[in-house]
C-alpha cells in the first residue's frame, strides 16, 4: 500500500457539492463520477489504492474508505473519503475492495489502515 495524498477534488465536484446541500453519492451524475474517478486515478499514479494493481478510469471503481453504509451525512461525497480501486464495475475479484465490502464498521474503524493515512506503508512489510 502506498500513501495517497496531494490530489485535489475536481472543480465540478466542489461546485456541485457546495451548490446542492443535502445530496449524497447516489445523487452524483455519471459524468461527475467519471471526473472524480479520473482525478483519483491520476492522484494515485494509476495504482489501485488497496492492491497496487495498475488501474485506469475503465478498469476501476470509486471506493469509499468509510463505507457508504457507515458514512455520516455528507461524508460519502468527500473527495478524501474516496479512492480508485480494482476492479471495474460489474467485474469481480476475491481480494481488495471487493473483499473489504462494508468493512470496517464504526466499532472496527481503528483496525483499518487507510491509504490516505500518513505512514501507512510502514504498517505493511
N, C-alpha and C. Protein backbone atom coordinates (compact mmCIF):
# COMPACT_ATOMS: atom_id res chain seq x y z
N UNK A 1 0.85 -1.18 0.00
CA UNK A 1 0.00 0.00 0.00
C UNK A 1 0.89 1.24 0.00
N UNK A 2 0.52 2.21 -0.83
CA UNK A 2 1.22 3.49 -0.88
C UNK A 2 0.32 4.58 -0.31
N UNK A 3 0.95 5.54 0.31
CA UNK A 3 0.18 6.68 0.82
C UNK A 3 -0.35 7.49 -0.35
N UNK A 4 -1.60 7.89 -0.25
CA UNK A 4 -2.24 8.72 -1.26
C UNK A 4 -2.45 10.10 -0.65
N UNK A 5 -1.90 11.11 -1.30
CA UNK A 5 -2.08 12.48 -0.80
C UNK A 5 -1.82 13.46 -1.92
N UNK A 6 -2.28 14.66 -1.71
CA UNK A 6 -1.94 15.75 -2.60
C UNK A 6 -2.91 16.02 -3.73
N UNK A 7 -3.84 15.13 -3.97
CA UNK A 7 -4.78 15.36 -5.05
C UNK A 7 -5.87 16.35 -4.65
N UNK A 8 -6.35 17.04 -5.64
CA UNK A 8 -7.44 17.99 -5.38
C UNK A 8 -8.71 17.47 -6.03
N UNK A 9 -9.82 17.67 -5.35
CA UNK A 9 -11.08 17.24 -5.94
C UNK A 9 -11.37 18.09 -7.17
N UNK A 10 -12.00 17.50 -8.16
CA UNK A 10 -12.33 18.26 -9.37
C UNK A 10 -13.21 19.47 -9.04
N UNK A 11 -12.96 20.54 -9.75
CA UNK A 11 -13.72 21.78 -9.54
C UNK A 11 -15.23 21.54 -9.68
N UNK A 12 -15.61 20.70 -10.65
CA UNK A 12 -17.03 20.41 -10.87
C UNK A 12 -17.65 19.76 -9.64
N UNK A 13 -16.89 18.92 -8.94
CA UNK A 13 -17.41 18.28 -7.74
C UNK A 13 -17.60 19.29 -6.61
N UNK A 14 -16.62 20.17 -6.46
CA UNK A 14 -16.72 21.20 -5.43
C UNK A 14 -17.95 22.07 -5.66
N UNK A 15 -18.14 22.50 -6.90
CA UNK A 15 -19.30 23.33 -7.23
C UNK A 15 -20.61 22.57 -6.97
N UNK A 16 -20.66 21.31 -7.39
CA UNK A 16 -21.87 20.51 -7.20
C UNK A 16 -22.17 20.32 -5.71
N UNK A 17 -21.15 19.96 -4.96
CA UNK A 17 -21.34 19.69 -3.53
C UNK A 17 -21.78 20.94 -2.78
N UNK A 18 -21.15 22.07 -3.07
CA UNK A 18 -21.49 23.32 -2.37
C UNK A 18 -22.80 23.92 -2.87
N UNK A 19 -23.14 23.63 -4.13
CA UNK A 19 -24.34 24.22 -4.71
C UNK A 19 -25.61 23.43 -4.49
N UNK A 20 -25.47 22.22 -3.98
CA UNK A 20 -26.65 21.38 -3.77
C UNK A 20 -26.58 20.70 -2.40
N UNK A 21 -26.82 21.46 -1.34
CA UNK A 21 -26.73 20.88 0.01
C UNK A 21 -27.68 19.70 0.21
N UNK A 22 -27.24 18.78 1.04
CA UNK A 22 -28.08 17.64 1.39
C UNK A 22 -28.04 16.48 0.42
N UNK A 23 -27.17 16.57 -0.59
CA UNK A 23 -27.09 15.47 -1.56
C UNK A 23 -26.08 14.43 -1.10
N UNK A 24 -26.16 13.27 -1.70
CA UNK A 24 -25.25 12.19 -1.39
C UNK A 24 -24.64 11.61 -2.66
N UNK A 25 -23.81 10.61 -2.47
CA UNK A 25 -23.10 9.99 -3.59
C UNK A 25 -24.05 9.47 -4.67
N UNK A 26 -25.15 8.91 -4.26
CA UNK A 26 -26.11 8.37 -5.24
C UNK A 26 -26.78 9.45 -6.08
N UNK A 27 -26.64 10.71 -5.68
CA UNK A 27 -27.20 11.82 -6.45
C UNK A 27 -26.22 12.34 -7.50
N UNK A 28 -24.99 11.87 -7.49
CA UNK A 28 -23.98 12.34 -8.45
C UNK A 28 -24.31 11.82 -9.85
N UNK A 29 -24.14 12.67 -10.84
CA UNK A 29 -24.34 12.25 -12.23
C UNK A 29 -23.20 11.33 -12.65
N UNK A 30 -23.42 10.55 -13.68
CA UNK A 30 -22.37 9.65 -14.16
C UNK A 30 -21.18 10.45 -14.69
N UNK A 31 -21.42 11.59 -15.29
CA UNK A 31 -20.31 12.44 -15.77
C UNK A 31 -19.46 12.93 -14.62
N UNK A 32 -20.09 13.34 -13.53
CA UNK A 32 -19.35 13.81 -12.37
C UNK A 32 -18.57 12.66 -11.73
N UNK A 33 -19.18 11.49 -11.65
CA UNK A 33 -18.46 10.32 -11.11
C UNK A 33 -17.23 10.00 -11.95
N UNK A 34 -17.36 10.09 -13.25
CA UNK A 34 -16.21 9.80 -14.13
C UNK A 34 -15.11 10.84 -13.93
N UNK A 35 -15.48 12.11 -13.74
CA UNK A 35 -14.48 13.15 -13.47
C UNK A 35 -13.76 12.90 -12.15
N UNK A 36 -14.51 12.49 -11.14
CA UNK A 36 -13.93 12.18 -9.83
C UNK A 36 -13.00 10.98 -9.94
N UNK A 37 -13.47 9.93 -10.63
CA UNK A 37 -12.64 8.73 -10.77
C UNK A 37 -11.35 9.04 -11.53
N UNK A 38 -11.44 9.84 -12.57
CA UNK A 38 -10.24 10.22 -13.32
C UNK A 38 -9.25 10.98 -12.44
N UNK A 39 -9.77 11.87 -11.59
CA UNK A 39 -8.90 12.62 -10.67
C UNK A 39 -8.26 11.68 -9.66
N UNK A 40 -9.02 10.70 -9.17
CA UNK A 40 -8.47 9.73 -8.21
C UNK A 40 -7.39 8.88 -8.86
N UNK A 41 -7.64 8.39 -10.06
CA UNK A 41 -6.67 7.56 -10.77
C UNK A 41 -5.38 8.34 -10.98
N UNK A 42 -5.49 9.60 -11.37
CA UNK A 42 -4.29 10.43 -11.57
C UNK A 42 -3.56 10.66 -10.25
N UNK A 43 -4.30 10.97 -9.19
CA UNK A 43 -3.69 11.19 -7.87
C UNK A 43 -2.94 9.94 -7.40
N UNK A 44 -3.46 8.78 -7.72
CA UNK A 44 -2.89 7.51 -7.28
C UNK A 44 -1.85 6.95 -8.25
N UNK A 45 -1.47 7.74 -9.22
CA UNK A 45 -0.47 7.32 -10.22
C UNK A 45 -0.88 6.01 -10.90
N UNK A 46 -2.17 5.90 -11.17
CA UNK A 46 -2.75 4.75 -11.87
C UNK A 46 -2.55 3.43 -11.14
N UNK A 47 -2.56 3.48 -9.81
CA UNK A 47 -2.44 2.27 -8.99
C UNK A 47 -3.66 2.13 -8.10
N UNK A 48 -4.18 0.92 -7.98
CA UNK A 48 -5.29 0.65 -7.07
C UNK A 48 -4.87 1.02 -5.65
N UNK A 49 -5.75 1.68 -4.93
CA UNK A 49 -5.42 2.13 -3.57
C UNK A 49 -5.14 0.99 -2.61
N UNK A 50 -5.72 -0.17 -2.83
CA UNK A 50 -5.55 -1.30 -1.91
C UNK A 50 -4.54 -2.33 -2.40
N UNK A 51 -4.56 -2.65 -3.68
CA UNK A 51 -3.77 -3.77 -4.18
C UNK A 51 -2.48 -3.37 -4.88
N UNK A 52 -2.40 -2.14 -5.36
CA UNK A 52 -1.24 -1.71 -6.13
C UNK A 52 -1.29 -2.15 -7.58
N UNK A 53 -2.38 -2.79 -7.99
CA UNK A 53 -2.53 -3.18 -9.39
C UNK A 53 -2.68 -1.93 -10.25
N UNK A 54 -2.23 -2.00 -11.49
CA UNK A 54 -2.39 -0.89 -12.43
C UNK A 54 -3.87 -0.74 -12.75
N UNK A 55 -4.40 0.48 -12.64
CA UNK A 55 -5.80 0.77 -12.96
C UNK A 55 -5.90 2.00 -13.83
N UNK A 56 -7.01 2.12 -14.49
CA UNK A 56 -7.36 3.29 -15.26
C UNK A 56 -8.81 3.61 -15.00
N UNK A 57 -9.31 4.63 -15.66
CA UNK A 57 -10.71 5.01 -15.46
C UNK A 57 -11.66 3.89 -15.86
N UNK A 58 -11.27 3.07 -16.83
CA UNK A 58 -12.13 1.98 -17.30
C UNK A 58 -11.95 0.68 -16.53
N UNK A 59 -10.92 0.58 -15.73
CA UNK A 59 -10.64 -0.67 -15.02
C UNK A 59 -10.70 -0.52 -13.50
N UNK A 60 -11.44 0.50 -13.04
CA UNK A 60 -11.54 0.74 -11.60
C UNK A 60 -12.93 1.25 -11.25
N UNK A 61 -13.17 1.32 -9.95
CA UNK A 61 -14.40 1.91 -9.45
C UNK A 61 -14.04 2.85 -8.30
N UNK A 62 -14.97 3.70 -7.92
CA UNK A 62 -14.76 4.59 -6.79
C UNK A 62 -15.11 3.81 -5.52
N UNK A 63 -14.14 3.74 -4.63
CA UNK A 63 -14.30 3.05 -3.36
C UNK A 63 -14.35 4.08 -2.24
N UNK A 64 -15.21 3.86 -1.27
CA UNK A 64 -15.28 4.75 -0.11
C UNK A 64 -14.48 4.14 1.03
N UNK A 65 -13.53 4.89 1.57
CA UNK A 65 -12.72 4.39 2.68
C UNK A 65 -13.59 4.09 3.89
N UNK A 66 -14.45 5.04 4.25
CA UNK A 66 -15.51 4.76 5.22
C UNK A 66 -16.67 4.31 4.36
N UNK A 67 -17.09 3.06 4.48
CA UNK A 67 -18.17 2.55 3.61
C UNK A 67 -19.40 3.45 3.65
N UNK A 68 -20.03 3.59 2.50
CA UNK A 68 -21.21 4.45 2.41
C UNK A 68 -22.25 4.09 3.47
N UNK A 69 -22.37 2.82 3.76
CA UNK A 69 -23.33 2.35 4.75
C UNK A 69 -23.06 2.96 6.13
N UNK A 70 -21.81 3.30 6.41
CA UNK A 70 -21.43 3.82 7.72
C UNK A 70 -21.09 5.32 7.70
N UNK A 71 -21.29 5.98 6.58
CA UNK A 71 -20.94 7.40 6.46
C UNK A 71 -21.90 8.30 7.23
N UNK A 72 -21.34 9.33 7.83
CA UNK A 72 -22.16 10.40 8.39
C UNK A 72 -22.67 11.25 7.23
N UNK A 73 -23.63 12.10 7.49
CA UNK A 73 -24.19 12.95 6.43
C UNK A 73 -23.09 13.72 5.71
N UNK A 74 -23.06 13.61 4.40
CA UNK A 74 -22.09 14.33 3.58
C UNK A 74 -20.74 13.66 3.45
N UNK A 75 -20.44 12.68 4.28
CA UNK A 75 -19.13 12.02 4.23
C UNK A 75 -18.95 11.20 2.96
N UNK A 76 -20.06 10.72 2.39
CA UNK A 76 -19.98 9.90 1.18
C UNK A 76 -19.62 10.71 -0.06
N UNK A 77 -19.64 12.04 0.04
CA UNK A 77 -19.25 12.87 -1.10
C UNK A 77 -18.01 13.71 -0.80
N UNK A 78 -17.24 13.31 0.19
CA UNK A 78 -15.96 13.96 0.46
C UNK A 78 -14.88 13.29 -0.36
N UNK A 79 -14.16 14.07 -1.14
CA UNK A 79 -13.11 13.53 -2.00
C UNK A 79 -12.09 12.73 -1.19
N UNK A 80 -11.78 13.17 0.01
CA UNK A 80 -10.82 12.48 0.86
C UNK A 80 -11.30 11.14 1.38
N UNK A 81 -12.57 10.81 1.18
CA UNK A 81 -13.11 9.51 1.57
C UNK A 81 -13.19 8.57 0.37
N UNK A 82 -12.67 9.01 -0.77
CA UNK A 82 -12.77 8.21 -1.98
C UNK A 82 -11.39 7.84 -2.51
N UNK A 83 -11.30 6.65 -3.09
CA UNK A 83 -10.10 6.19 -3.78
C UNK A 83 -10.55 5.38 -4.99
N UNK A 84 -9.66 5.22 -5.96
CA UNK A 84 -9.93 4.38 -7.12
C UNK A 84 -9.38 2.99 -6.84
N UNK A 85 -10.19 1.98 -7.08
CA UNK A 85 -9.79 0.59 -6.78
C UNK A 85 -10.19 -0.36 -7.91
N UNK A 86 -9.41 -1.40 -8.02
CA UNK A 86 -9.73 -2.53 -8.88
C UNK A 86 -10.81 -3.33 -8.19
N UNK A 87 -11.76 -3.90 -8.88
CA UNK A 87 -11.98 -3.99 -10.31
C UNK A 87 -12.95 -2.94 -10.81
N UNK A 88 -13.19 -2.96 -12.12
CA UNK A 88 -14.18 -2.08 -12.73
C UNK A 88 -15.58 -2.51 -12.29
N UNK A 89 -16.55 -1.62 -12.35
CA UNK A 89 -17.93 -2.02 -12.03
C UNK A 89 -18.37 -3.21 -12.88
N UNK A 90 -19.05 -4.14 -12.25
CA UNK A 90 -19.53 -5.32 -12.96
C UNK A 90 -18.54 -6.47 -13.01
N UNK A 91 -17.29 -6.22 -12.61
CA UNK A 91 -16.30 -7.28 -12.56
C UNK A 91 -16.16 -7.75 -11.12
N UNK A 92 -15.53 -8.88 -10.94
CA UNK A 92 -15.40 -9.45 -9.60
C UNK A 92 -13.97 -9.89 -9.34
N UNK A 93 -13.57 -9.79 -8.09
CA UNK A 93 -12.27 -10.28 -7.63
C UNK A 93 -12.46 -10.78 -6.20
N UNK A 94 -11.65 -11.72 -5.78
CA UNK A 94 -11.76 -12.27 -4.42
C UNK A 94 -10.85 -11.53 -3.44
N UNK A 95 -10.41 -10.34 -3.78
CA UNK A 95 -9.46 -9.61 -2.96
C UNK A 95 -9.70 -8.11 -3.10
N UNK A 96 -8.97 -7.33 -2.33
CA UNK A 96 -9.03 -5.87 -2.44
C UNK A 96 -10.36 -5.29 -2.01
N UNK A 97 -10.85 -4.33 -2.78
CA UNK A 97 -12.06 -3.60 -2.44
C UNK A 97 -13.28 -4.50 -2.34
N UNK A 98 -13.35 -5.51 -3.19
CA UNK A 98 -14.50 -6.43 -3.15
C UNK A 98 -14.50 -7.19 -1.82
N UNK A 99 -13.33 -7.60 -1.40
CA UNK A 99 -13.22 -8.35 -0.13
C UNK A 99 -13.53 -7.43 1.05
N UNK A 100 -13.11 -6.16 0.98
CA UNK A 100 -13.35 -5.20 2.06
C UNK A 100 -14.85 -4.95 2.25
N UNK A 101 -15.57 -4.83 1.16
CA UNK A 101 -17.02 -4.62 1.17
C UNK A 101 -17.41 -3.48 2.11
N UNK A 102 -18.26 -3.72 3.10
CA UNK A 102 -18.73 -2.68 4.03
C UNK A 102 -17.91 -2.62 5.30
N UNK A 103 -16.74 -3.23 5.32
CA UNK A 103 -15.85 -3.18 6.46
C UNK A 103 -15.00 -1.92 6.34
N UNK A 104 -14.66 -1.25 7.38
CA UNK A 104 -14.91 -1.54 8.78
C UNK A 104 -16.21 -0.92 9.27
N UNK A 105 -16.77 -1.57 10.25
CA UNK A 105 -17.92 -0.97 10.93
C UNK A 105 -17.37 0.15 11.82
N UNK A 106 -18.22 1.03 12.31
CA UNK A 106 -17.71 2.09 13.19
C UNK A 106 -16.90 1.56 14.37
N UNK A 107 -17.27 0.43 14.92
CA UNK A 107 -16.54 -0.13 16.06
C UNK A 107 -15.21 -0.75 15.69
N UNK A 108 -15.00 -1.00 14.41
CA UNK A 108 -13.74 -1.60 13.95
C UNK A 108 -12.86 -0.62 13.17
N UNK A 109 -13.27 0.63 13.11
CA UNK A 109 -12.54 1.65 12.33
C UNK A 109 -11.07 1.71 12.73
N UNK A 110 -10.75 1.50 13.99
CA UNK A 110 -9.36 1.57 14.47
C UNK A 110 -8.48 0.46 13.87
N UNK A 111 -9.09 -0.57 13.31
CA UNK A 111 -8.33 -1.67 12.71
C UNK A 111 -7.96 -1.41 11.24
N UNK A 112 -8.63 -0.46 10.63
CA UNK A 112 -8.46 -0.18 9.20
C UNK A 112 -7.24 0.71 8.95
N UNK A 113 -6.40 0.30 8.01
CA UNK A 113 -5.26 1.12 7.60
C UNK A 113 -5.66 1.82 6.30
N UNK A 114 -5.84 3.12 6.36
CA UNK A 114 -6.26 3.89 5.20
C UNK A 114 -5.06 4.27 4.34
N UNK A 115 -5.19 4.16 3.03
CA UNK A 115 -4.11 4.61 2.17
C UNK A 115 -3.95 6.14 2.18
N UNK A 116 -4.86 6.84 2.81
CA UNK A 116 -4.74 8.29 2.96
C UNK A 116 -4.11 8.68 4.30
N UNK A 117 -3.72 7.69 5.10
CA UNK A 117 -3.07 7.96 6.38
C UNK A 117 -1.57 8.11 6.19
N UNK A 118 -0.98 9.17 6.73
CA UNK A 118 0.47 9.31 6.64
C UNK A 118 1.19 8.09 7.23
N UNK A 119 2.17 7.60 6.52
CA UNK A 119 2.96 6.48 7.01
C UNK A 119 2.29 5.13 6.89
N UNK A 120 1.23 5.03 6.12
CA UNK A 120 0.52 3.74 6.03
C UNK A 120 1.42 2.64 5.48
N UNK A 121 2.41 3.01 4.65
CA UNK A 121 3.31 2.00 4.09
C UNK A 121 4.07 1.24 5.18
N UNK A 122 4.35 1.90 6.27
CA UNK A 122 5.12 1.30 7.34
C UNK A 122 4.34 0.21 8.09
N UNK A 123 3.03 0.16 7.87
CA UNK A 123 2.21 -0.84 8.54
C UNK A 123 2.28 -2.20 7.87
N UNK A 124 2.89 -2.23 6.67
CA UNK A 124 2.97 -3.47 5.90
C UNK A 124 4.43 -3.79 5.60
N UNK A 125 4.76 -5.05 5.60
CA UNK A 125 6.12 -5.49 5.29
C UNK A 125 6.07 -6.35 4.05
